[in-house]
Amino acid sequence: MAKQGNNYYEITQPAFQDTISDLAFADGQRYLAATSWEGLIYVWEFNQDYSSVNQKKAEYRDPNKNAFMRCCFNSDCNNVYFGTSLGDIMNISLNEVGPVVTPKKNYDATTNKTGPIVGLRYCSKLSTLVALTMDKNLLIFKDNLVVIQIKLTPICMDISDTQLYIATLGPAIWKLDLE
């Protein structure tokens, strides 16, 4: 990381070759995840004052270079989820053994015929992963997968407590209580 001015730093490693599609900080931790259109996810750990990167926590490159669209951490920051342009949802386990990349359990994008992941958030209060696809599917990973079809084309989403907010083309913002 290189200091570029009084108040900002540039993270120069890894050298992304294409656009960074999403960033996610881990709550209560000093981890930052970044996904890119070239099929790369990278997770860094920062020092106490965030002025430098202590170490790389994880790196994964898709061998087929499918775009990684969105990312988020679970509540204990041991897992990073990321969604792809093919509709897949993957998980990186940040354990002591080393990062392990696996598909999201109980979910298969080819079976569920979903489009690109345009929203991905973790609801800590409910221990629930929520995904939003370009083809208007809201995927809620509770005990079983709940799929809700939405009316308009989604752009992005966020969660506050148990409230899910979805921005769509139109423009409109929709609110859904996840409880």
Foldseek 3Di string as FASTA:
>chain_A
DADDDDPDDDDPPPPDPAAWQEWEDAPPFQKIWIFFQQAKIWIFGAPPVRPDTPGTQDIDGDPVRFGWHYWYAANVRQKIWIWTQLGWIWIWGRDPVGTDIDTDPQDDCVVVVFGGWQEWYAQRLQRWIWTATQQQWIWIDHVHTDIDGDDFGWHYWDDDNQWIWTAGPVGDIDIDGND
